[in-house]
C-alpha atoms as a PDB file:
ATOM      1  CA  MET A   1      24.341  85.328  -0.484  1.00  0.00           C
ATOM      2  CA  VAL A   2      21.817  85.820  -3.313  1.00  0.00           C
ATOM      3  CA  TRP A   3      22.617  85.010  -6.903  1.00  0.00           C
ATOM      4  CA  THR A   4      20.807  86.935  -9.609  1.00  0.00           C
ATOM      5  CA  ALA A   5      20.436  85.907 -13.228  1.00  0.00           C
ATOM      6  CA  THR A   6      22.331  88.160 -15.641  1.00  0.00           C
ATOM      7  CA  THR A   7      23.761  88.049 -19.151  1.00  0.00           C
ATOM      8  CA  LEU A   8      27.428  88.143 -20.092  1.00  0.00           C
ATOM      9  CA  ASN A   9      28.368  89.149 -23.625  1.00  0.00           C
ATOM     10  CA  LEU A  10      31.319  87.050 -24.766  1.00  0.00           C
ATOM     11  CA  LYS A  11      32.997  86.853 -28.113  1.00  0.00           C
ATOM     12  CA  ASP A  12      33.279  83.552 -29.925  1.00  0.00           C
ATOM     13  CA  ALA A  13      36.251  82.356 -32.031  1.00  0.00           C
ATOM     14  CA  ALA A  14      35.018  84.419 -35.006  1.00  0.00           C
ATOM     15  CA  GLY A  15      34.949  87.600 -32.923  1.00  0.00           C
ATOM     16  CA  ALA A  16      31.157  87.773 -32.826  1.00  0.00           C
ATOM     17  CA  THR A  17      29.495  88.752 -29.559  1.00  0.00           C
ATOM     18  CA  GLN A  18      27.406  85.947 -27.971  1.00  0.00           C
ATOM     19  CA  PRO A  19      25.144  86.431 -24.935  1.00  0.00           C
ATOM     20  CA  VAL A  20      25.694  83.805 -22.182  1.00  0.00           C
ATOM     21  CA  ILE A  21      23.368  83.323 -19.224  1.00  0.00           C
ATOM     22  CA  ALA A  22      25.158  83.626 -15.889  1.00  0.00           C
ATOM     23  CA  TYR A  23      24.450  84.336 -12.221  1.00  0.00           C
ATOM     24  CA  THR A  24      26.125  87.054 -10.127  1.00  0.00           C
ATOM     25  CA  ASP A  25      26.238  87.988  -6.486  1.00  0.00           C
ATOM     26  CA  GLY A  26      27.256  91.515  -7.452  1.00  0.00           C
ATOM     27  CA  THR A  27      30.955  90.708  -7.517  1.00  0.00           C
ATOM     28  CA  ASN A  28      31.429  87.193  -8.879  1.00  0.00           C
ATOM     29  CA  PHE A  29      29.900  85.460 -11.884  1.00  0.00           C
ATOM     30  CA  SER A  30      28.932  81.812 -12.354  1.00  0.00           C
ATOM     31  CA  PHE A  31      27.783  80.311 -15.602  1.00  0.00           C
ATOM     32  CA  ALA A  32      24.268  78.825 -15.470  1.00  0.00           C
ATOM     33  CA  HIS A  33      23.870  75.037 -16.052  1.00  0.00           C
ATOM     34  CA  PRO A  34      20.403  74.068 -17.314  1.00  0.00           C
ATOM     35  CA  ILE A  35      18.632  70.948 -16.019  1.00  0.00           C
ATOM     36  CA  LEU A  36      17.278  68.801 -18.839  1.00  0.00           C
ATOM     37  CA  ASP A  37      14.472  66.267 -18.817  1.00  0.00           C
ATOM     38  CA  ASN A  38      14.727  62.804 -20.455  1.00  0.00           C
ATOM     39  CA  THR A  39      13.874  64.310 -23.863  1.00  0.00           C
ATOM     40  CA  GLY A  40      16.680  66.837 -23.690  1.00  0.00           C
ATOM     41  CA  ALA A  41      14.378  69.816 -23.102  1.00  0.00           C
ATOM     42  CA  VAL A  42      15.327  72.462 -20.543  1.00  0.00           C
ATOM     43  CA  ILE A  43      13.307  72.252 -17.341  1.00  0.00           C
ATOM     44  CA  ALA A  44      12.044  75.677 -16.315  1.00  0.00           C
ATOM     45  CA  PRO A  45      13.644  76.939 -13.043  1.00  0.00           C
ATOM     46  CA  ALA A  46      10.171  77.317 -11.527  1.00  0.00           C
ATOM     47  CA  THR A  47       9.565  73.554 -11.788  1.00  0.00           C
ATOM     48  CA  GLN A  48      13.036  72.408 -10.823  1.00  0.00           C
ATOM     49  CA  GLY A  49      12.422  72.825  -7.102  1.00  0.00           C
ATOM     50  CA  THR A  50      15.186  72.501  -4.572  1.00  0.00           C
ATOM     51  CA  LEU A  51      17.757  69.776  -4.023  1.00  0.00           C
ATOM     52  CA  ALA A  52      15.734  68.700  -1.008  1.00  0.00           C
ATOM     53  CA  SER A  53      12.666  68.054  -3.164  1.00  0.00           C
ATOM     54  CA  VAL A  54      14.755  66.090  -5.670  1.00  0.00           C
ATOM     55  CA  LEU A  55      16.212  63.944  -2.840  1.00  0.00           C
ATOM     56  CA  SER A  56      12.716  63.375  -1.468  1.00  0.00           C
ATOM     57  CA  ALA A  57      11.553  62.094  -4.862  1.00  0.00           C
ATOM     58  CA  LEU A  58      14.466  59.662  -4.988  1.00  0.00           C
ATOM     59  CA  GLN A  59      13.615  58.313  -1.531  1.00  0.00           C
ATOM     60  CA  THR A  60      10.015  57.421  -2.319  1.00  0.00           C
ATOM     61  CA  ALA A  61       8.909  53.776  -2.646  1.00  0.00           C
ATOM     62  CA  ILE A  62      10.055  51.828  -5.703  1.00  0.00           C
ATOM     63  CA  PRO A  63       7.259  52.115  -8.287  1.00  0.00           C
ATOM     64  CA  ALA A  64       5.351  48.980  -9.284  1.00  0.00           C
ATOM     65  CA  GLY A  65       5.707  47.503 -12.732  1.00  0.00           C
ATOM     66  CA  ALA A  66       8.423  45.870 -14.787  1.00  0.00           C
ATOM     67  CA  ASN A  67      11.194  48.130 -13.474  1.00  0.00           C
ATOM     68  CA  ILE A  68      14.642  46.574 -13.083  1.00  0.00           C
ATOM     69  CA  ILE A  69      16.247  47.281  -9.731  1.00  0.00           C
ATOM     70  CA  GLY A  70      19.965  47.683  -9.391  1.00  0.00           C
ATOM     71  CA  LYS A  71      22.091  46.743  -6.390  1.00  0.00           C
ATOM     72  CA  LEU A  72      20.281  46.488  -3.078  1.00  0.00           C
ATOM     73  CA  THR A  73      21.702  46.294   0.425  1.00  0.00           C
ATOM     74  CA  THR A  74      20.177  45.388   3.771  1.00  0.00           C
ATOM     75  CA  ASP A  75      20.264  46.961   7.190  1.00  0.00           C
ATOM     76  CA  GLN A  76      22.654  44.655   9.033  1.00  0.00           C
ATOM     77  CA  THR A  77      22.324  46.282  12.430  1.00  0.00           C
ATOM     78  CA  THR A  78      21.364  42.906  13.872  1.00  0.00           C
ATOM     79  CA  HIS A  79      22.375  40.085  11.524  1.00  0.00           C
ATOM     80  CA  GLY A  80      19.583  37.606  11.089  1.00  0.00           C
ATOM     81  CA  THR A  81      16.963  40.024  12.409  1.00  0.00           C
ATOM     82  CA  THR A  82      16.996  43.398  10.651  1.00  0.00           C
ATOM     83  CA  ASP A  83      18.513  42.023   7.432  1.00  0.00           C
ATOM     84  CA  LEU A  84      15.966  39.249   6.889  1.00  0.00           C
ATOM     85  CA  VAL A  85      14.329  38.863   3.492  1.00  0.00           C
ATOM     86  CA  ALA A  86      10.727  37.712   3.472  1.00  0.00           C
ATOM     87  CA  ALA A  87       9.783  34.857   1.141  1.00  0.00           C
ATOM     88  CA  ASP A  88       6.554  33.063   0.291  1.00  0.00           C
ATOM     89  CA  ILE A  89       7.532  29.411   0.820  1.00  0.00           C
ATOM     90  CA  THR A  90       4.093  28.247  -0.317  1.00  0.00           C
ATOM     91  CA  LYS A  91       4.988  29.058  -3.926  1.00  0.00           C
ATOM     92  CA  VAL A  92       7.556  27.612  -6.297  1.00  0.00           C
ATOM     93  CA  GLY A  93       8.180  29.461  -9.549  1.00  0.00           C
ATOM     94  CA  GLY A  94       5.186  31.668  -8.743  1.00  0.00           C
ATOM     95  CA  SER A  95       2.800  28.708  -8.538  1.00  0.00           C
ATOM     96  CA  ALA A  96       1.059  27.714  -5.331  1.00  0.00           C
ATOM     97  CA  THR A  97       2.016  24.350  -3.848  1.00  0.00           C
ATOM     98  CA  SER A  98       1.239  22.477  -0.653  1.00  0.00           C
ATOM     99  CA  LEU A  99       3.997  21.814   1.853  1.00  0.00           C
ATOM    100  CA  GLY A 100       4.819  18.256   2.908  1.00  0.00           C
ATOM    101  CA  GLN A 101       3.869  16.484  -0.324  1.00  0.00           C
ATOM    102  CA  LYS A 102       2.764  12.880   0.232  1.00  0.00           C
ATOM    103  CA  VAL A 103       1.969  11.875  -3.374  1.00  0.00           C
ATOM    104  CA  MET A 104       4.730  11.255  -5.917  1.00  0.00           C
ATOM    105  CA  ALA A 105       2.785  13.013  -8.708  1.00  0.00           C
ATOM    106  CA  SER A 106       2.586  16.206  -6.594  1.00  0.00           C
ATOM    107  CA  SER A 107       6.220  16.195  -5.481  1.00  0.00           C
ATOM    108  CA  PHE A 108       9.181  18.015  -6.942  1.00  0.00           C
ATOM    109  CA  PRO A 109      12.145  16.164  -8.453  1.00  0.00           C
ATOM    110  CA  VAL A 110      15.478  16.417  -6.660  1.00  0.00           C
ATOM    111  CA  ALA A 111      18.774  16.387  -8.563  1.00  0.00           C
ATOM    112  CA  PHE A 112      21.985  15.201  -6.926  1.00  0.00           C
ATOM    113  CA  ALA A 113      25.357  16.634  -7.923  1.00  0.00           C
ATOM    114  CA  SER A 114      27.805  14.281  -9.639  1.00  0.00           C
ATOM    115  CA  ASP A 115      30.402  14.943  -6.917  1.00  0.00           C
ATOM    116  CA  GLN A 116      27.986  14.235  -4.088  1.00  0.00           C
ATOM    117  CA  SER A 117      28.754  11.350  -1.783  1.00  0.00           C
ATOM    118  CA  ALA A 118      26.977   8.122  -2.638  1.00  0.00           C
ATOM    119  CA  ILE A 119      23.564   7.715  -1.066  1.00  0.00           C
ATOM    120  CA  PRO A 120      23.536   4.621   1.149  1.00  0.00           C
ATOM    121  CA  ALA A 121      21.269   1.803   0.035  1.00  0.00           C
ATOM    122  CA  PRO A 122      18.117   1.365   2.109  1.00  0.00           C
ATOM    123  CA  ILE A 123      18.326  -1.210   4.867  1.00  0.00           C
ATOM    124  CA  PRO A 124      16.260  -4.306   3.996  1.00  0.00           C
ATOM    125  CA  ALA A 125      13.212  -4.972   6.158  1.00  0.00           C
ATOM    126  CA  VAL A 126      12.033  -8.412   7.222  1.00  0.00           C
ATOM    127  CA  ILE A 127       8.320  -9.192   6.941  1.00  0.00           C
ATOM    128  CA  THR A 128       6.792 -12.175   8.755  1.00  0.00           C
ATOM    129  CA  GLY A 129       4.320 -14.269   6.806  1.00  0.00           C
ATOM    130  CA  THR A 130       1.428 -16.369   8.075  1.00  0.00           C
ATOM    131  CA  ALA A 131       2.584 -19.258  10.271  1.00  0.00           C
ATOM    132  CA  ILE A 132       1.419 -22.678   9.034  1.00  0.00           C
ATOM    133  CA  THR A 133       0.677 -25.351  11.602  1.00  0.00           C
ATOM    134  CA  ARG A 134       0.560 -28.619   9.690  1.00  0.00           C
ATOM    135  CA  PRO A 135      -1.731 -31.545  10.729  1.00  0.00           C
ATOM    136  CA  ALA A 136      -0.953 -33.610  13.833  1.00  0.00           C
ATOM    137  CA  ASP A 137       0.638 -36.515  11.996  1.00  0.00           C
ATOM    138  CA  THR A 138       4.100 -37.623  10.851  1.00  0.00           C
ATOM    139  CA  LEU A 139       3.271 -38.835   7.353  1.00  0.00           C
ATOM    140  CA  VAL A 140       6.286 -38.613   5.037  1.00  0.00           C
ATOM    141  CA  TYR A 141       6.012 -36.086   2.219  1.00  0.00           C
ATOM    142  CA  ALA A 142       6.933 -36.967  -1.343  1.00  0.00           C
ATOM    143  CA  VAL A 143       8.751 -34.573  -3.672  1.00  0.00           C
ATOM    144  CA  GLY A 144       6.210 -32.074  -5.010  1.00  0.00           C
ATOM    145  CA  ASP A 145       3.686 -32.353  -2.158  1.00  0.00           C
ATOM    146  CA  LEU A 146       1.930 -29.354  -0.627  1.00  0.00           C
ATOM    147  CA  LEU A 147       2.668 -28.505   3.004  1.00  0.00           C
ATOM    148  CA  ALA A 148      -0.459 -26.889   4.473  1.00  0.00           C
ATOM    149  CA  SER A 149      -2.567 -26.504   7.603  1.00  0.00           C
ATOM    150  CA  SER A 150      -5.212 -29.001   6.501  1.00  0.00           C
ATOM    151  CA  THR A 151      -5.502 -32.129   4.389  1.00  0.00           C
ATOM    152  CA  THR A 152      -8.691 -30.690   2.890  1.00  0.00           C
ATOM    153  CA  ALA A 153      -8.233 -28.336  -0.098  1.00  0.00           C
ATOM    154  CA  ALA A 154     -11.367 -26.330   0.724  1.00  0.00           C
ATOM    155  CA  THR A 155     -10.046 -25.541   4.198  1.00  0.00           C
ATOM    156  CA  VAL A 156      -6.673 -24.437   2.789  1.00  0.00           C
ATOM    157  CA  ASN A 157      -8.422 -22.199   0.233  1.00  0.00           C
ATOM    158  CA  ALA A 158     -10.615 -20.644   2.925  1.00  0.00           C
ATOM    159  CA  ALA A 159      -7.595 -19.456   4.940  1.00  0.00           C
ATOM    160  CA  PRO A 160      -4.894 -18.421   2.444  1.00  0.00           C
ATOM    161  CA  THR A 161      -1.405 -17.681   3.759  1.00  0.00           C
ATOM    162  CA  THR A 162      -0.166 -14.100   3.267  1.00  0.00           C
ATOM    163  CA  ALA A 163       2.671 -11.622   3.840  1.00  0.00           C
ATOM    164  CA  ALA A 164       2.412  -7.801   3.738  1.00  0.00           C
ATOM    165  CA  VAL A 165       5.574  -7.189   1.700  1.00  0.00           C
ATOM    166  CA  ALA A 166       4.596  -3.838   0.121  1.00  0.00           C
ATOM    167  CA  LYS A 167       5.270  -0.660   2.106  1.00  0.00           C
ATOM    168  CA  ALA A 168       1.903   0.823   1.117  1.00  0.00           C
ATOM    169  CA  ASN A 169      -1.264  -0.309  -0.594  1.00  0.00           C
ATOM    170  CA  ASP A 170      -0.709  -1.057  -4.297  1.00  0.00           C
ATOM    171  CA  GLN A 171       2.966  -0.045  -4.049  1.00  0.00           C
ATOM    172  CA  ALA A 172       5.534  -2.092  -5.948  1.00  0.00           C
ATOM    173  CA  PHE A 173       7.886  -4.238  -3.879  1.00  0.00           C
ATOM    174  CA  THR A 174      11.087  -6.242  -4.239  1.00  0.00           C
ATOM    175  CA  VAL A 175      11.780  -9.376  -2.195  1.00  0.00           C
ATOM    176  CA  LEU A 176      15.458 -10.335  -1.939  1.00  0.00           C
ATOM    177  CA  LYS A 177      15.384 -13.487   0.169  1.00  0.00           C
ATOM    178  CA  CYS A 178      13.086 -15.745   2.136  1.00  0.00           C
ATOM    179  CA  ARG A 179      13.952 -17.376   5.451  1.00  0.00           C
ATOM    180  CA  LEU A 180      11.901 -20.382   6.532  1.00  0.00           C
ATOM    181  CA  LYS A 181      11.762 -21.396  10.185  1.00  0.00           C
ATOM    182  CA  LYS A 182      10.128 -24.573  11.515  1.00  0.00           C
ATOM    183  CA  SER A 183       9.470 -25.674  15.060  1.00  0.00           C
ATOM    184  CA  GLY A 184      11.004 -29.137  14.526  1.00  0.00           C
ATOM    185  CA  THR A 185      14.792 -29.465  14.881  1.00  0.00           C
ATOM    186  CA  SER A 186      15.406 -32.125  12.203  1.00  0.00           C
ATOM    187  CA  THR A 187      17.171 -30.958   9.025  1.00  0.00           C
ATOM    188  CA  THR A 188      17.033 -34.311   7.213  1.00  0.00           C
ATOM    189  CA  ASN A 189      15.581 -33.809   3.714  1.00  0.00           C
ATOM    190  CA  ALA A 190      14.241 -30.437   4.904  1.00  0.00           C
ATOM    191  CA  ILE A 191      14.138 -28.864   1.446  1.00  0.00           C
ATOM    192  CA  PHE A 192      11.218 -26.616   0.502  1.00  0.00           C
ATOM    193  CA  ARG A 193      10.000 -24.199  -2.175  1.00  0.00           C
ATOM    194  CA  VAL A 194       7.973 -21.141  -1.187  1.00  0.00           C
ATOM    195  CA  HIS A 195       5.706 -20.107  -4.106  1.00  0.00           C
ATOM    196  CA  CYS A 196       4.540 -16.464  -4.218  1.00  0.00           C
ATOM    197  CA  TYR A 197       1.352 -15.094  -5.826  1.00  0.00           C
ATOM    198  CA  LYS A 198      -0.180 -11.665  -6.350  1.00  0.00           C
ATOM    199  CA  ASN A 199      -3.675 -13.002  -5.633  1.00  0.00           C
ATOM    200  CA  ALA A 200      -4.964 -15.831  -3.444  1.00  0.00           C
ATOM    201  CA  PRO A 201      -4.380 -19.145  -5.266  1.00  0.00           C
ATOM    202  CA  THR A 202      -6.859 -21.995  -5.254  1.00  0.00           C
ATOM    203  CA  VAL A 203      -5.310 -25.399  -4.512  1.00  0.00           C
ATOM    204  CA  THR A 204      -6.517 -28.754  -5.840  1.00  0.00           C
ATOM    205  CA  ASN A 205      -5.196 -30.789  -2.908  1.00  0.00           C
ATOM    206  CA  GLY A 206      -4.634 -30.286   0.800  1.00  0.00           C
ATOM    207  CA  ASP A 207      -1.584 -31.125   2.931  1.00  0.00           C
ATOM    208  CA  ASN A 208       0.503 -34.091   1.750  1.00  0.00           C
ATOM    209  CA  GLY A 209      -1.204 -34.010  -1.647  1.00  0.00           C
ATOM    210  CA  VAL A 210       0.462 -32.862  -4.862  1.00  0.00           C
ATOM    211  CA  TRP A 211       1.086 -29.110  -5.008  1.00  0.00           C
ATOM    212  CA  LEU A 212      -1.235 -27.838  -7.728  1.00  0.00           C
ATOM    213  CA  SER A 213      -2.766 -24.368  -7.757  1.00  0.00           C
ATOM    214  CA  THR A 214      -4.291 -21.750 -10.013  1.00  0.00           C
ATOM    215  CA  GLU A 215      -1.843 -19.270 -11.580  1.00  0.00           C
ATOM    216  CA  SER A 216      -3.301 -16.288  -9.604  1.00  0.00           C
ATOM    217  CA  GLY A 217      -0.651 -13.758 -10.679  1.00  0.00           C
ATOM    218  CA  TYR A 218       2.271 -16.067  -9.972  1.00  0.00           C
ATOM    219  CA  LEU A 219       5.357 -14.048  -8.967  1.00  0.00           C
ATOM    220  CA  GLY A 220       8.072 -16.678  -8.483  1.00  0.00           C
ATOM    221  CA  ALA A 221       9.498 -18.975  -5.822  1.00  0.00           C
ATOM    222  CA  PHE A 222      12.297 -19.318  -3.266  1.00  0.00           C
ATOM    223  CA  ASP A 223      14.187 -22.600  -2.877  1.00  0.00           C
ATOM    224  CA  ILE A 224      15.143 -23.107   0.769  1.00  0.00           C
ATOM    225  CA  THR A 225      17.223 -25.791   2.462  1.00  0.00           C
ATOM    226  CA  ILE A 226      16.810 -25.804   6.241  1.00  0.00           C
ATOM    227  CA  ASP A 227      20.374 -26.440   7.386  1.00  0.00           C
ATOM    228  CA  ARG A 228      20.579 -24.718  10.782  1.00  0.00           C
ATOM    229  CA  ALA A 229      19.355 -26.736  13.776  1.00  0.00           C
ATOM    230  CA  PHE A 230      18.824 -25.153  17.185  1.00  0.00           C
ATOM    231  CA  SER A 231      17.623 -26.559  20.488  1.00  0.00           C
ATOM    232  CA  ASP A 232      14.063 -25.373  19.844  1.00  0.00           C
ATOM    233  CA  ALA A 233      13.799 -24.884  16.055  1.00  0.00           C
ATOM    234  CA  SER A 234      15.581 -25.061  12.720  1.00  0.00           C
ATOM    235  CA  GLU A 235      15.756 -22.730   9.754  1.00  0.00           C
ATOM    236  CA  GLY A 236      17.309 -21.914   6.401  1.00  0.00           C
ATOM    237  CA  VAL A 237      17.523 -19.047   3.917  1.00  0.00           C
ATOM    238  CA  GLY A 238      16.852 -19.153   0.194  1.00  0.00           C
ATOM    239  CA  ILE A 239      17.010 -16.939  -2.871  1.00  0.00           C
ATOM    240  CA  PRO A 240      14.693 -16.916  -5.911  1.00  0.00           C
ATOM    241  CA  ASP A 241      14.953 -20.022  -8.101  1.00  0.00           C
ATOM    242  CA  LYS A 242      15.003 -17.675 -11.128  1.00  0.00           C
ATOM    243  CA  GLY A 243      16.645 -14.254 -11.135  1.00  0.00           C
ATOM    244  CA  SER A 244      18.050 -12.347  -8.192  1.00  0.00           C
ATOM    245  CA  THR A 245      14.811 -10.933  -6.737  1.00  0.00           C
ATOM    246  CA  ILE A 246      11.049 -11.305  -6.893  1.00  0.00           C
ATOM    247  CA  SER A 247       9.294  -8.034  -7.725  1.00  0.00           C
ATOM    248  CA  GLY A 248       5.711  -7.042  -8.360  1.00  0.00           C
ATOM    249  CA  THR A 249       2.675  -5.321  -6.914  1.00  0.00           C
ATOM    250  CA  PRO A 250       0.459  -6.677  -4.153  1.00  0.00           C
ATOM    251  CA  ALA A 251      -3.197  -7.678  -4.357  1.00  0.00           C
ATOM    252  CA  THR A 252      -5.255  -4.626  -5.383  1.00  0.00           C
ATOM    253  CA  GLY A 253      -5.905  -2.237  -2.501  1.00  0.00           C
ATOM    254  CA  THR A 254      -3.538  -4.077  -0.134  1.00  0.00           C
ATOM    255  CA  GLN A 255       0.113  -4.614   0.820  1.00  0.00           C
ATOM    256  CA  THR A 256      -0.358  -8.377   0.589  1.00  0.00           C
ATOM    257  CA  ILE A 257       0.977 -11.263  -1.447  1.00  0.00           C
ATOM    258  CA  TYR A 258       0.076 -14.945  -0.977  1.00  0.00           C
ATOM    259  CA  PHE A 259       2.293 -18.011  -0.687  1.00  0.00           C
ATOM    260  CA  LEU A 260       2.213 -21.819  -0.639  1.00  0.00           C
ATOM    261  CA  ILE A 261       4.951 -24.200   0.536  1.00  0.00           C
ATOM    262  CA  GLU A 262       5.957 -27.167  -1.623  1.00  0.00           C
ATOM    263  CA  VAL A 263       8.118 -29.996  -0.206  1.00  0.00           C
ATOM    264  CA  ARG A 264      11.122 -30.777  -2.428  1.00  0.00           C
ATOM    265  CA  ALA A 265      12.438 -33.965  -0.763  1.00  0.00           C
ATOM    266  CA  ALA A 266      11.136 -37.045   1.103  1.00  0.00           C
ATOM    267  CA  TYR A 267      10.677 -35.126   4.333  1.00  0.00           C
ATOM    268  CA  THR A 268       9.444 -36.655   7.603  1.00  0.00           C
ATOM    269  CA  PRO A 269       7.715 -33.916   9.643  1.00  0.00           C
ATOM    270  CA  SER A 270       7.061 -33.504  13.319  1.00  0.00           C
ATOM    271  CA  SER A 271       3.434 -33.739  14.430  1.00  0.00           C
ATOM    272  CA  ALA A 272       1.730 -30.333  14.233  1.00  0.00           C
ATOM    273  CA  GLU A 273       5.040 -28.798  13.140  1.00  0.00           C
ATOM    274  CA  VAL A 274       4.878 -25.019  12.628  1.00  0.00           C
ATOM    275  CA  PHE A 275       6.432 -23.350   9.547  1.00  0.00           C
ATOM    276  CA  THR A 276       6.929 -19.565   9.436  1.00  0.00           C
ATOM    277  CA  PRO A 277       8.372 -17.675   6.446  1.00  0.00           C
ATOM    278  CA  TYR A 278      10.229 -14.359   6.725  1.00  0.00           C
ATOM    279  CA  PHE A 279      10.552 -12.205   3.598  1.00  0.00           C
ATOM    280  CA  GLU A 280      13.478  -9.794   3.245  1.00  0.00           C
ATOM    281  CA  ILE A 281      12.275  -6.786   1.232  1.00  0.00           C
ATOM    282  CA  GLN A 282      14.145  -3.827  -0.226  1.00  0.00           C
END
């Protein structure tokens, strides 16, 4: 069937004759409906093309630019395969970023919802400090004496006692408790104070002399009473003498702090008795 353009003369409400464009197949008539562009102008039939060409134009790729796309769907023939959406996981907010950040300044903050279950507190770790083997004698200590590996101050200063309490170089730490273990089994007057320093202290006296050192970034001390005797050793646990924890940063470029042991009672030691501190860190 071929439709041919023709003109029908119709009368309007005032009785005037008005020509109207129509199409006819020789028997029937159909009014023509113009196609308008986005300005409202009539598009000439020669440029309108066919419905197939219009459909083809609609099926072309989405043009680049600031166009806003409406609803999109995916081909879900095989879920998880044909409906995947590609994403560039090396960018956040359009900015490039490295995966597996190791430095706090380069990491992204994480927010936790108010209804999220509480995050469990980290399990404390126990760090072993330098073991001190005191001289091979049984001289009684007086209150305030230093317990060290040598009676000579220079020797004590040359081999400072340490503990790597920080989890990384220059990283801040918190020490909750200190446990002190000694090889002797006697608990009589076994009361001690473990002094902690950021930097290596210099002592004035050696073992069994008065505890006196440089300030050296003094951090605080733990008072410990050894009250548990075993068949081969004895030990006790103490908390800071001031506050609930000892916090700070280690010696520059290290994980290390330094410590000295002061005797806080008239203690009679075993010959060559070994003292080992254990620091509980958070």
